[in-house]
């Protein structure tokens, strides 16, 4: 597949993804008043998680489209007197929001199952802080279209620990509570990392590996659909959380 064909396929998919995810976020906001009071804390966190994800990806895709429209993915804009690459700026925006997404997923786990964060939960929050610090040095080369190695791996390691740690907590307690909704959410997180890891490791040597971001992104869409179906749809909005006993 030519670079141009790959780019158009990627952009078409990303724009369709943004339409779907923003539609789900808006639908969640509209449906929120109908959610049972006991489920509203988790429902609100889902809204924040996917609104942030959509916002960051909008910047990522938007800047990429703008650069492509200018005929050069290395196109730059002047920001506070400094030339900044459009693609890199978009990558930075989504790097920030996806980190916050997983921070909120840990918060969702805590609210859903009523467990204390404990040392492991706070350790996961610390990995988010470490990732933000690792995103600051110039070695990140945010102006590059393709992230440099080994720094790309270095800054993504804390994100992998954060996301996989969130998946572990969710799956551990969802299976114990026979919570199918969160079992599937945990599985989707694992699927997303299964596709994302080769991109982190090999995209510099094999750019076509970047196409694995498509199934990785579909895993996020699946989480949003699962959350909407089980918290925001009218016939499911009154379902209690696992920590709440149902009437006999």
Foldseek 3Di string as FASTA:
>chain_A
DDPVVVLVVVLVLLVVLLVLLVVLLVLLVVLLVLFDPLCNVLSVLLSLLSVLQSVLSCQQSVLCVVCVVVVHQLAWDQDPNDTAGSNLVSVVSNLLSNLVSLLSLLVSLCSQQVDDCPPLNVVLVVLSVVLVVLCPDCQQVSSDNQTDPPSLVVSCVSVVSSLLSSLVSQCVVCVVLVPPLSVLLSVLSVQLCVLVVCCSVPCVPPVVSVVSNSSSSVSVSVNSVSSCVQCRDNVRSHPHRSVDDDDD
